[in-house]
């Protein structure tokens, strides 16, 4: 399972397939470099739109006269020349490097000029209350997906129902998701205004692991004696994919990570989104706790961006897009660590997942606007409904088994219980929803009138 921490030391260690570049005749290669234009195009195709490793490069077309091994040697030489150091130090003493890929600058500029969230298409037609609803959705989806990446075995529907109905978790998996949800909310409400410190890291770790690990493992750094490794499923086999650094190294480097997160070196500006990605990778590499490292790494990504006022990222559940490609996520770490500490693999993967999350969200907004228009067609012109109420009606009409409560509507819409009750009572008054008591809850469902109107009968 991607991003799982384990004490299972019996699994095989995953090693990348690498060609023997010592056998490549370097003089022969540089004698083949007359066609500069062809070589430049070749390098561009192997670095963008996706930063490729040897396992894919060897199957691609090579420049005229080059073997696959010679082409890979040429790629490696070019990458070494144009790369720059990150502050992330490996346990062996080498610093991870990265290349600022050309496609990234246009995307970052698009984000930067999006004051008020205009990076999102169609957002201008939505009310403030619905924008807040989309933020609540983003937090919920991120909490669920981030936990599932670390092995939480529960469905999205069951997890969502637990949170919106404020039901107590039934097992460790549900507890993980609830912890993640509460932590992201606390980051947005409180922690984004605080500088990072070991105390804050410990507090975040305690929140994320509440009732899921032993108390003596909370709020302390991992020890060598804990025997922690990272395991992932690559293909059909489970492997050890990362052996975290020794505790002495972690204690030293975690202080540097904290300084970096707090922008201690103001003389070296780096775009906040790039820094947030590096924090994610750095924390994952150090793996400083016995459990919860992946969730905390992704939480730090959001913490840093919210601290830098990139509030639009609250709409985007990045872990949801990562969860659709768990092996790619694992391999992004593996490539970065095992291919000469080239963190560009992880950087490229993460940026592309942000772009995908942005596209997914825009499609979601357009779909919701379309659903609102469907509701408008069947409602009397004398009846005014908010976008929030229209979303609720479409949700209830989407499945005959679907229901809502005042509590769940309040949580999902990020409104008070009083406002949620008012929304539902207005819909009940005009015959679009009907409430029935089931135990301690009153559950509201779509009426026959609403279902028939939407079906066109």
Protein backbone atom coordinates (compact mmCIF):
# COMPACT_ATOMS: atom_id res chain seq x y z
CA UNK A 1 0.00 0.00 0.00
CA UNK A 2 1.50 3.30 -1.05
CA UNK A 3 3.06 5.41 1.68
CA UNK A 4 2.67 2.83 4.45
CA UNK A 5 5.15 2.78 7.31
CA UNK A 6 6.12 -0.71 8.41
CA UNK A 7 8.37 -2.70 10.71
CA UNK A 8 8.49 -5.60 8.22
CA UNK A 9 12.19 -5.97 7.43
CA UNK A 10 11.78 -9.28 5.55
CA UNK A 11 10.53 -7.72 2.32
CA UNK A 12 12.96 -7.28 -0.61
CA UNK A 13 14.36 -3.80 -1.21
CA UNK A 14 13.26 -2.24 -4.49
CA UNK A 15 16.15 -1.17 -6.71
CA UNK A 16 15.88 0.74 -9.96
CA UNK A 17 17.12 -0.88 -13.14
CA UNK A 18 20.15 1.13 -14.27
CA UNK A 19 22.33 0.79 -17.38
CA UNK A 20 26.09 0.47 -16.96
CA UNK A 21 27.17 3.92 -18.15
CA UNK A 22 30.84 3.11 -17.48
CA UNK A 23 30.78 1.11 -20.69
CA UNK A 24 29.69 4.12 -22.74
CA UNK A 25 32.45 5.61 -24.91
CA UNK A 26 32.21 9.31 -24.00
CA UNK A 27 34.48 10.48 -26.78
CA UNK A 28 32.33 8.65 -29.28
CA UNK A 29 29.18 10.36 -27.94
CA UNK A 30 30.54 13.88 -28.25
CA UNK A 31 31.53 13.05 -31.80
CA UNK A 32 27.84 12.54 -32.58
CA UNK A 33 26.66 15.93 -31.36
CA UNK A 34 26.88 17.89 -34.60
CA UNK A 35 23.10 18.18 -35.00
CA UNK A 36 22.43 20.52 -32.07
CA UNK A 37 18.78 21.14 -33.03
CA UNK A 38 17.96 17.41 -33.03
CA UNK A 39 19.64 16.90 -29.66
CA UNK A 40 17.86 19.90 -28.12
CA UNK A 41 14.49 18.56 -29.25
CA UNK A 42 15.38 15.12 -27.93
CA UNK A 43 16.28 16.48 -24.49
CA UNK A 44 13.10 18.56 -24.37
CA UNK A 45 10.93 15.50 -25.12
CA UNK A 46 12.60 13.45 -22.38
CA UNK A 47 12.21 16.19 -19.74
CA UNK A 48 8.77 17.55 -20.64
CA UNK A 49 5.81 17.17 -20.49
CA UNK A 50 7.02 14.39 -18.16
CA UNK A 51 10.45 13.97 -16.61
CA UNK A 52 11.41 10.45 -17.68
CA UNK A 53 13.73 7.88 -16.11
CA UNK A 54 15.73 5.20 -17.91
CA UNK A 55 12.95 2.58 -17.61
CA UNK A 56 10.92 4.64 -20.10
CA UNK A 57 13.70 6.40 -21.99
CA UNK A 58 15.16 3.07 -23.17
CA UNK A 59 11.96 2.36 -25.10
CA UNK A 60 11.86 5.78 -26.77
CA UNK A 61 13.37 6.92 -30.05
CA UNK A 62 16.99 8.06 -29.77
CA UNK A 63 18.90 10.74 -31.72
CA UNK A 64 20.40 9.53 -35.00
CA UNK A 65 23.35 7.21 -34.37
CA UNK A 66 22.82 6.92 -30.59
CA UNK A 67 22.21 3.70 -28.69
CA UNK A 68 19.70 3.85 -25.81
CA UNK A 69 22.55 3.80 -23.29
CA UNK A 70 24.37 6.63 -25.08
CA UNK A 71 21.17 8.67 -25.23
CA UNK A 72 20.63 8.16 -21.49
CA UNK A 73 24.23 9.17 -20.76
CA UNK A 74 23.67 12.37 -22.76
CA UNK A 75 20.44 13.09 -20.85
CA UNK A 76 22.21 12.56 -17.52
CA UNK A 77 25.05 14.88 -18.48
CA UNK A 78 22.63 17.61 -19.51
CA UNK A 79 20.56 17.25 -16.32
CA UNK A 80 23.67 17.46 -14.16
CA UNK A 81 24.79 20.67 -15.84
CA UNK A 82 21.46 22.53 -15.59
CA UNK A 83 20.37 21.28 -12.15
CA UNK A 84 20.65 23.26 -8.94
CA UNK A 85 20.91 22.20 -5.31
CA UNK A 86 17.97 21.99 -2.94
CA UNK A 87 18.49 22.38 0.83
CA UNK A 88 17.54 18.71 1.22
CA UNK A 89 20.53 16.68 2.28
CA UNK A 90 20.75 12.92 1.85
CA UNK A 91 22.07 10.73 4.62
CA UNK A 92 25.19 10.08 2.51
CA UNK A 93 25.95 13.81 2.44
CA UNK A 94 24.86 14.65 -1.11
CA UNK A 95 22.23 17.31 -1.65
CA UNK A 96 19.14 16.55 -3.71
CA UNK A 97 19.08 18.54 -6.94
CA UNK A 98 16.29 19.76 -9.18
CA UNK A 99 15.65 21.35 -12.56
CA UNK A 100 13.14 24.16 -13.00
CA UNK A 101 11.18 22.74 -15.94
CA UNK A 102 10.01 25.36 -18.44
CA UNK A 103 6.31 24.45 -18.35
CA UNK A 104 6.13 25.25 -14.64
CA UNK A 105 6.61 29.03 -14.85
CA UNK A 106 3.48 29.64 -16.91
CA UNK A 107 1.40 27.59 -14.48
CA UNK A 108 2.81 29.34 -11.41
CA UNK A 109 2.15 32.71 -13.03
CA UNK A 110 -1.45 31.66 -13.63
CA UNK A 111 -1.81 30.85 -9.94
CA UNK A 112 -0.13 34.08 -8.83
CA UNK A 113 -2.37 36.40 -10.85
CA UNK A 114 -5.48 34.60 -9.65
CA UNK A 115 -6.32 37.01 -6.85
CA UNK A 116 -9.76 36.13 -5.57
CA UNK A 117 -9.58 32.65 -7.05
CA UNK A 118 -9.95 33.64 -10.71
CA UNK A 119 -7.66 30.76 -11.65
CA UNK A 120 -10.87 28.74 -11.39
CA UNK A 121 -13.22 29.03 -14.34
CA UNK A 122 -16.83 30.01 -13.63
CA UNK A 123 -16.15 30.79 -9.96
CA UNK A 124 -17.27 34.39 -10.47
CA UNK A 125 -20.90 33.30 -10.88
CA UNK A 126 -20.99 31.52 -7.52
CA UNK A 127 -22.04 33.07 -4.25
CA UNK A 128 -19.62 33.42 -1.33
CA UNK A 129 -21.55 30.75 0.57
CA UNK A 130 -21.05 28.28 -2.24
CA UNK A 131 -17.36 29.08 -2.47
CA UNK A 132 -17.16 28.18 1.22
CA UNK A 133 -19.06 24.98 0.46
CA UNK A 134 -16.45 24.04 -2.13
CA UNK A 135 -13.70 24.65 0.44
CA UNK A 136 -15.50 22.31 2.86
CA UNK A 137 -15.69 19.71 0.09
CA UNK A 138 -11.96 20.13 -0.59
CA UNK A 139 -11.05 19.57 3.06
CA UNK A 140 -13.30 16.52 3.28
CA UNK A 141 -11.95 14.92 0.10
CA UNK A 142 -8.34 15.64 1.11
CA UNK A 143 -8.83 14.08 4.54
CA UNK A 144 -10.30 10.91 3.07
CA UNK A 145 -7.84 10.47 0.19
CA UNK A 146 -4.74 11.30 2.25
CA UNK A 147 -5.72 8.65 4.81
CA UNK A 148 -6.53 6.09 2.12
CA UNK A 149 -3.04 6.62 0.68
CA UNK A 150 -1.67 5.36 4.01
CA UNK A 151 -3.89 2.32 4.15
CA UNK A 152 -7.25 3.47 5.57
CA UNK A 153 -9.61 0.78 4.27
CA UNK A 154 -12.99 2.44 4.10
CA UNK A 155 -15.08 3.81 1.27
CA UNK A 156 -15.37 7.49 0.49
CA UNK A 157 -19.13 7.29 1.03
CA UNK A 158 -18.81 5.70 4.48
CA UNK A 159 -16.10 8.16 5.55
CA UNK A 160 -18.08 11.15 4.33
CA UNK A 161 -21.19 9.93 6.14
CA UNK A 162 -19.24 9.50 9.39
CA UNK A 163 -17.96 13.08 9.26
CA UNK A 164 -21.14 14.85 8.17
CA UNK A 165 -23.28 12.94 10.67
CA UNK A 166 -20.69 13.43 13.42
CA UNK A 167 -20.72 9.72 14.10
CA UNK A 168 -18.00 8.20 16.29
CA UNK A 169 -15.37 6.27 14.27
CA UNK A 170 -15.99 2.53 14.30
CA UNK A 171 -12.40 1.47 13.66
CA UNK A 172 -8.83 2.67 13.20
CA UNK A 173 -9.35 3.46 9.51
CA UNK A 174 -12.26 5.80 10.19
CA UNK A 175 -10.32 7.36 13.08
CA UNK A 176 -7.44 8.14 10.71
CA UNK A 177 -9.79 9.99 8.38
CA UNK A 178 -11.47 11.93 11.17
CA UNK A 179 -8.06 12.90 12.57
CA UNK A 180 -6.96 14.12 9.16
CA UNK A 181 -10.15 16.13 8.72
CA UNK A 182 -9.79 17.80 12.11
CA UNK A 183 -6.11 18.54 11.48
CA UNK A 184 -6.67 20.25 8.12
CA UNK A 185 -9.40 22.40 9.66
CA UNK A 186 -7.11 23.33 12.56
CA UNK A 187 -4.33 24.24 10.13
CA UNK A 188 -6.68 26.59 8.29
CA UNK A 189 -8.15 28.12 11.43
CA UNK A 190 -5.13 28.29 13.76
CA UNK A 191 -1.82 26.75 12.74
CA UNK A 192 -1.33 28.66 9.48
CA UNK A 193 -0.74 31.73 11.65
CA UNK A 194 2.04 30.04 13.64
CA UNK A 195 5.66 29.49 12.58
CA UNK A 196 6.75 25.89 12.35
CA UNK A 197 8.52 24.42 15.37
CA UNK A 198 9.20 20.97 16.78
CA UNK A 199 6.36 21.58 19.22
CA UNK A 200 3.95 22.33 16.36
CA UNK A 201 5.14 19.26 14.45
CA UNK A 202 4.52 17.14 17.55
CA UNK A 203 1.07 18.68 18.00
CA UNK A 204 0.15 18.00 14.36
CA UNK A 205 1.43 14.46 14.74
CA UNK A 206 -0.64 13.89 17.88
CA UNK A 207 -3.76 15.16 16.10
CA UNK A 208 -3.16 12.97 13.04
CA UNK A 209 -2.47 9.81 15.04
CA UNK A 210 -4.98 10.22 17.88
CA UNK A 211 -6.28 6.76 18.90
CA UNK A 212 -4.47 5.08 15.99
CA UNK A 213 -1.01 4.45 17.48
CA UNK A 214 0.38 3.95 20.97
CA UNK A 215 0.58 7.14 23.02
CA UNK A 216 4.28 6.60 23.66
CA UNK A 217 4.85 6.87 19.89
CA UNK A 218 3.12 10.24 19.66
CA UNK A 219 4.97 13.52 19.96
CA UNK A 220 8.45 12.01 19.67
CA UNK A 221 10.89 11.40 16.86
CA UNK A 222 11.48 7.92 15.54
CA UNK A 223 14.35 5.91 17.05
CA UNK A 224 16.66 3.49 15.25
CA UNK A 225 15.33 0.75 17.50
CA UNK A 226 11.82 1.27 16.09
CA UNK A 227 12.99 -0.46 12.91
CA UNK A 228 10.78 1.62 10.61
CA UNK A 229 10.86 1.20 6.83
CA UNK A 230 8.53 2.35 4.05
CA UNK A 231 6.84 -0.30 1.97
CA UNK A 232 4.92 -0.01 -1.28
CA UNK A 233 3.35 -2.33 -3.77
CA UNK A 234 5.17 -2.08 -7.10
CA UNK A 235 3.41 -4.20 -9.67
CA UNK A 236 2.16 -7.31 -7.89
CA UNK A 237 4.88 -7.41 -5.21
CA UNK A 238 5.40 -5.62 -1.91
CA UNK A 239 8.82 -4.03 -1.49
CA UNK A 240 10.75 -1.93 0.97
CA UNK A 241 11.04 1.30 -1.02
CA UNK A 242 12.72 3.57 1.52
CA UNK A 243 14.88 3.02 4.58
CA UNK A 244 14.60 6.28 6.54
CA UNK A 245 17.80 7.95 7.78
CA UNK A 246 19.23 7.26 11.24
CA UNK A 247 17.80 9.17 14.20
CA UNK A 248 20.92 11.32 14.69
CA UNK A 249 20.68 12.56 11.10
CA UNK A 250 16.93 13.16 11.44
CA UNK A 251 17.39 15.25 14.59
CA UNK A 252 19.90 17.45 12.80
CA UNK A 253 18.00 17.82 9.54
CA UNK A 254 14.54 18.38 11.04
CA UNK A 255 15.87 21.65 12.48
CA UNK A 256 16.97 22.70 8.98
CA UNK A 257 13.56 21.76 7.59
CA UNK A 258 11.91 23.94 10.23
CA UNK A 259 14.16 26.90 9.38
CA UNK A 260 13.40 26.39 5.69
CA UNK A 261 9.66 26.30 6.36
CA UNK A 262 9.95 29.54 8.32
CA UNK A 263 11.87 31.25 5.47
CA UNK A 264 14.91 31.76 7.70
CA UNK A 265 17.05 32.47 4.61
CA UNK A 266 15.19 35.40 3.05
CA UNK A 267 18.01 36.02 0.57
CA UNK A 268 17.07 32.97 -1.50
CA UNK A 269 13.52 33.45 -2.75
CA UNK A 270 11.80 30.41 -4.18
CA UNK A 271 8.20 30.31 -5.30
CA UNK A 272 5.96 29.21 -2.37
CA UNK A 273 4.39 26.36 -4.35
CA UNK A 274 7.84 24.96 -5.15
CA UNK A 275 8.88 25.32 -1.49
CA UNK A 276 5.70 23.58 -0.35
CA UNK A 277 6.49 20.66 -2.67
CA UNK A 278 10.04 20.46 -1.32
CA UNK A 279 8.71 20.45 2.26
CA UNK A 280 6.42 17.55 1.31
CA UNK A 281 9.33 15.61 -0.18
CA UNK A 282 11.83 16.49 2.57
CA UNK A 283 9.54 15.40 5.37
CA UNK A 284 8.72 12.19 3.52
CA UNK A 285 12.43 11.46 3.05
CA UNK A 286 13.28 12.05 6.73
CA UNK A 287 10.24 10.05 7.87
CA UNK A 288 10.77 11.32 11.42
CA UNK A 289 7.89 9.51 13.15
CA UNK A 290 6.90 5.88 13.53
CA UNK A 291 3.62 6.48 11.69
CA UNK A 292 1.62 9.25 10.01
CA UNK A 293 4.56 10.67 8.05
CA UNK A 294 2.78 10.80 4.70
CA UNK A 295 -0.28 12.52 6.13
CA UNK A 296 1.89 15.03 7.97
CA UNK A 297 4.03 15.67 4.88
CA UNK A 298 0.91 16.50 2.87
CA UNK A 299 -0.44 18.59 5.75
CA UNK A 300 2.78 20.64 5.75
CA UNK A 301 2.25 21.28 2.05
CA UNK A 302 -1.12 22.90 2.84
CA UNK A 303 0.17 24.63 5.98
CA UNK A 304 2.91 26.43 4.04
CA UNK A 305 0.65 27.52 1.18
CA UNK A 306 -2.06 28.79 3.53
CA UNK A 307 0.60 30.64 5.49
CA UNK A 308 1.58 32.33 2.22
CA UNK A 309 -2.08 33.22 1.51
CA UNK A 310 -2.56 30.68 -1.28
CA UNK A 311 -6.08 30.06 0.04
CA UNK A 312 -7.24 28.78 -3.36
CA UNK A 313 -5.52 25.47 -2.55
CA UNK A 314 -8.24 24.79 0.01
CA UNK A 315 -10.46 23.98 -2.97
CA UNK A 316 -8.02 21.38 -4.27
CA UNK A 317 -7.78 17.94 -2.64
CA UNK A 318 -4.35 17.10 -4.06
CA UNK A 319 -4.32 13.68 -2.39
CA UNK A 320 -7.42 12.74 -4.38
CA UNK A 321 -5.47 13.06 -7.63
CA UNK A 322 -2.42 11.36 -6.10
CA UNK A 323 -4.62 8.45 -4.97
CA UNK A 324 -5.51 7.81 -8.61
CA UNK A 325 -1.82 7.16 -9.31
CA UNK A 326 -0.37 5.58 -6.14
CA UNK A 327 2.43 3.72 -7.91
CA UNK A 328 3.52 6.91 -9.70
CA UNK A 329 3.60 8.63 -6.30
CA UNK A 330 5.79 5.90 -4.86
CA UNK A 331 8.04 5.91 -7.93
CA UNK A 332 8.45 9.70 -7.77
CA UNK A 333 10.11 9.20 -4.38
CA UNK A 334 12.13 6.20 -5.58
CA UNK A 335 13.42 7.89 -8.75
CA UNK A 336 14.38 10.97 -6.74
CA UNK A 337 16.35 9.00 -4.16
CA UNK A 338 17.93 6.36 -6.38
CA UNK A 339 18.73 8.37 -9.53
CA UNK A 340 21.58 10.53 -8.21
CA UNK A 341 19.32 12.42 -5.77
CA UNK A 342 17.36 14.10 -8.57
CA UNK A 343 14.28 15.54 -6.85
CA UNK A 344 12.94 16.76 -10.20
CA UNK A 345 11.01 13.50 -10.50
CA UNK A 346 8.98 14.29 -7.39
CA UNK A 347 8.69 17.97 -8.26
CA UNK A 348 7.40 17.16 -11.76
CA UNK A 349 4.92 14.60 -10.44
CA UNK A 350 3.58 16.96 -7.79
CA UNK A 351 3.18 19.95 -10.11
CA UNK A 352 1.32 17.82 -12.65
CA UNK A 353 -1.01 16.55 -9.92
CA UNK A 354 -1.75 20.13 -8.85
CA UNK A 355 -2.59 20.95 -12.47
CA UNK A 356 -4.81 17.88 -12.68
CA UNK A 357 -6.56 18.80 -9.42
CA UNK A 358 -7.21 22.28 -10.79
CA UNK A 359 -8.73 20.88 -13.99
CA UNK A 360 -10.84 18.38 -12.03
CA UNK A 361 -12.14 21.14 -9.80
CA UNK A 362 -13.05 23.39 -12.72
CA UNK A 363 -15.00 20.52 -14.29
CA UNK A 364 -16.75 19.94 -10.96
CA UNK A 365 -17.78 23.61 -10.69
CA UNK A 366 -19.13 23.65 -14.25
CA UNK A 367 -21.11 20.48 -13.49
CA UNK A 368 -22.59 22.02 -10.34
CA UNK A 369 -23.59 25.18 -12.22
CA UNK A 370 -25.33 22.99 -14.80
CA UNK A 371 -27.15 21.11 -12.04
CA UNK A 372 -28.35 24.40 -10.59
CA UNK A 373 -29.78 25.35 -13.96
CA UNK A 374 -31.70 22.05 -14.03
CA UNK A 375 -33.22 22.92 -10.67
CA UNK A 376 -34.10 26.41 -11.92
CA UNK A 377 -36.15 24.92 -14.77
CA UNK A 378 -38.53 23.07 -12.46
CA UNK A 379 -38.95 25.68 -9.76
CA UNK A 380 -41.62 28.32 -9.84
CA UNK A 381 -40.29 31.74 -10.76
CA UNK A 382 -41.94 33.00 -7.58
CA UNK A 383 -39.72 30.76 -5.45
CA UNK A 384 -36.22 31.97 -4.67
CA UNK A 385 -33.64 29.35 -3.69
CA UNK A 386 -30.00 29.88 -2.87
CA UNK A 387 -27.30 28.00 -4.80
CA UNK A 388 -26.73 26.08 -1.58
CA UNK A 389 -30.33 24.85 -1.55
CA UNK A 390 -30.16 23.97 -5.24
CA UNK A 391 -27.05 21.86 -4.64
CA UNK A 392 -28.85 20.08 -1.83
CA UNK A 393 -31.90 19.32 -3.98
CA UNK A 394 -29.79 17.91 -6.79
CA UNK A 395 -27.85 15.80 -4.31
CA UNK A 396 -31.04 14.38 -2.79
CA UNK A 397 -32.55 13.70 -6.21
CA UNK A 398 -29.43 11.91 -7.47
CA UNK A 399 -30.29 8.70 -5.59
CA UNK A 400 -33.55 7.59 -4.00
CA UNK A 401 -31.58 6.29 -0.99
CA UNK A 402 -29.84 9.61 -0.38
CA UNK A 403 -30.79 11.73 2.59
CA UNK A 404 -29.55 14.71 4.56
CA UNK A 405 -29.80 15.99 8.11
CA UNK A 406 -29.46 19.47 9.54
CA UNK A 407 -26.03 18.53 10.89
CA UNK A 408 -24.70 17.09 7.63
CA UNK A 409 -26.00 20.03 5.59
CA UNK A 410 -24.35 22.44 8.03
CA UNK A 411 -20.97 20.67 7.84
CA UNK A 412 -20.92 20.21 4.07
CA UNK A 413 -22.04 23.79 3.43
CA UNK A 414 -19.87 25.28 6.19
CA UNK A 415 -22.81 27.11 7.74
CA UNK A 416 -24.39 27.25 11.18
CA UNK A 417 -26.99 24.69 12.28
CA UNK A 418 -29.54 27.51 12.43
CA UNK A 419 -28.94 28.43 8.77
CA UNK A 420 -28.95 24.77 7.74
CA UNK A 421 -32.28 24.19 9.49
CA UNK A 422 -33.73 27.26 7.78
CA UNK A 423 -32.57 26.01 4.36
CA UNK A 424 -34.22 22.63 4.85
CA UNK A 425 -37.44 23.95 6.39
CA UNK A 426 -37.96 26.25 3.41
CA UNK A 427 -37.57 23.31 1.03
CA UNK A 428 -39.92 21.19 3.12
CA UNK A 429 -42.51 23.98 3.16
CA UNK A 430 -42.72 24.04 -0.65
CA UNK A 431 -42.89 20.25 -0.91
CA UNK A 432 -39.44 19.51 -2.32
CA UNK A 433 -38.11 17.54 0.65
CA UNK A 434 -39.77 15.50 3.37
CA UNK A 435 -38.38 14.79 6.82
CA UNK A 436 -38.88 11.58 8.81
CA UNK A 437 -37.50 10.80 12.24
CA UNK A 438 -35.17 7.79 12.34
CA UNK A 439 -33.80 7.26 15.83
CA UNK A 440 -32.31 10.50 17.10
CA UNK A 441 -32.08 12.06 13.62
CA UNK A 442 -34.63 13.62 11.31
CA UNK A 443 -33.60 12.53 7.83
CA UNK A 444 -34.75 14.55 4.83
CA UNK A 445 -35.24 13.01 1.38
CA UNK A 446 -36.40 14.21 -2.01
CA UNK A 447 -40.17 14.15 -2.46
CA UNK A 448 -41.99 12.48 -5.35
CA UNK A 449 -42.77 15.99 -6.63
CA UNK A 450 -39.05 16.82 -6.95
CA UNK A 451 -38.07 13.47 -8.46
CA UNK A 452 -40.83 13.60 -11.08
CA UNK A 453 -40.04 17.18 -11.97
CA UNK A 454 -36.36 16.40 -12.54
CA UNK A 455 -37.15 13.28 -14.56
CA UNK A 456 -39.49 15.26 -16.80
CA UNK A 457 -42.59 13.19 -15.93
